[in-house]
């Protein structure tokens, strides 16, 4: 099943974040709890972990891009 990865809102006042790094490449599998990417907000870098096992299908934004919260940044395939 295909799912979207969206820029998370880590705090109430957060409007956007910088995608610092993808920690998985397209086509690479991951397990629940593994970090997928890093985002920077107010000079703090946060790793965002996978919510379930899957494969990173597509990276839709580049490292260094500023992305509004809720915007689609990638696609994953997860097993049901």
Protein backbone atom coordinates (compact mmCIF):
# COMPACT_ATOMS: atom_id res chain seq x y z
CA UNK A 1 0.00 0.00 0.00
CA UNK A 2 1.34 3.44 -0.95
CA UNK A 3 1.47 6.18 1.70
CA UNK A 4 2.57 9.80 1.69
CA UNK A 5 5.27 11.25 3.93
CA UNK A 6 4.36 14.80 4.94
CA UNK A 7 6.42 17.48 6.66
CA UNK A 8 5.47 17.04 10.32
CA UNK A 9 4.42 19.83 12.67
CA UNK A 10 6.63 19.23 15.69
CA UNK A 11 5.34 22.22 17.65
CA UNK A 12 2.10 24.22 17.59
CA UNK A 13 3.81 27.36 16.22
CA UNK A 14 5.83 25.50 13.55
CA UNK A 15 4.91 26.65 10.03
CA UNK A 16 7.75 25.09 7.98
CA UNK A 17 10.95 23.09 8.28
CA UNK A 18 14.14 22.48 6.32
CA UNK A 19 14.71 18.95 5.07
CA UNK A 20 18.35 18.53 6.15
CA UNK A 21 18.98 14.97 5.00
CA UNK A 22 17.34 11.85 3.68
CA UNK A 23 18.66 8.94 5.75
CA UNK A 24 17.27 6.31 3.34
CA UNK A 25 17.66 6.19 -0.43
CA UNK A 26 14.85 5.51 -2.91
CA UNK A 27 14.20 1.77 -3.03
CA UNK A 28 15.74 1.19 0.40
CA UNK A 29 13.69 -0.69 3.00
CA UNK A 30 13.29 0.35 6.62
CA UNK A 31 11.81 -0.95 9.86
CA UNK A 32 9.43 0.79 12.25
CA UNK A 33 11.40 3.18 14.46
CA UNK A 34 14.32 3.65 12.05
CA UNK A 35 15.08 7.28 11.15
CA UNK A 36 13.99 8.20 7.60
CA UNK A 37 15.00 11.86 7.35
CA UNK A 38 16.15 14.87 9.34
CA UNK A 39 14.45 18.25 9.54
CA UNK A 40 15.67 21.50 11.05
CA UNK A 41 13.40 23.86 12.95
CA UNK A 42 14.69 26.92 14.80
CA UNK A 43 18.28 25.63 14.52
CA UNK A 44 17.40 22.26 16.09
CA UNK A 45 17.77 19.12 13.95
CA UNK A 46 15.23 16.35 14.53
CA UNK A 47 15.30 12.82 13.14
CA UNK A 48 11.90 11.58 12.01
CA UNK A 49 11.33 7.85 12.46
CA UNK A 50 9.28 5.42 10.39
CA UNK A 51 5.86 4.64 11.81
CA UNK A 52 5.84 1.16 10.24
CA UNK A 53 7.97 -1.17 8.10
CA UNK A 54 8.24 -0.29 4.41
CA UNK A 55 10.27 0.90 1.42
CA UNK A 56 11.07 4.50 0.49
CA UNK A 57 9.60 4.77 -3.01
CA UNK A 58 10.20 8.43 -3.85
CA UNK A 59 11.88 11.53 -2.42
CA UNK A 60 9.85 14.55 -3.58
CA UNK A 61 11.97 17.33 -2.04
CA UNK A 62 15.71 17.92 -2.07
CA UNK A 63 17.99 18.24 0.94
CA UNK A 64 18.08 21.91 1.96
CA UNK A 65 14.53 22.67 0.76
CA UNK A 66 12.23 24.69 3.02
CA UNK A 67 8.90 22.86 3.21
CA UNK A 68 5.59 24.02 4.75
CA UNK A 69 4.13 21.72 7.42
CA UNK A 70 1.72 19.18 5.95
CA UNK A 71 3.26 19.29 2.45
CA UNK A 72 4.04 15.94 0.82
CA UNK A 73 7.80 15.26 0.85
CA UNK A 74 7.95 11.59 -0.13
CA UNK A 75 6.17 8.32 -0.80
CA UNK A 76 6.56 4.95 0.89
CA UNK A 77 5.21 1.47 0.29
CA UNK A 78 4.16 -0.39 3.43
CA UNK A 79 3.06 -3.97 3.94
CA UNK A 80 -0.39 -4.60 5.36
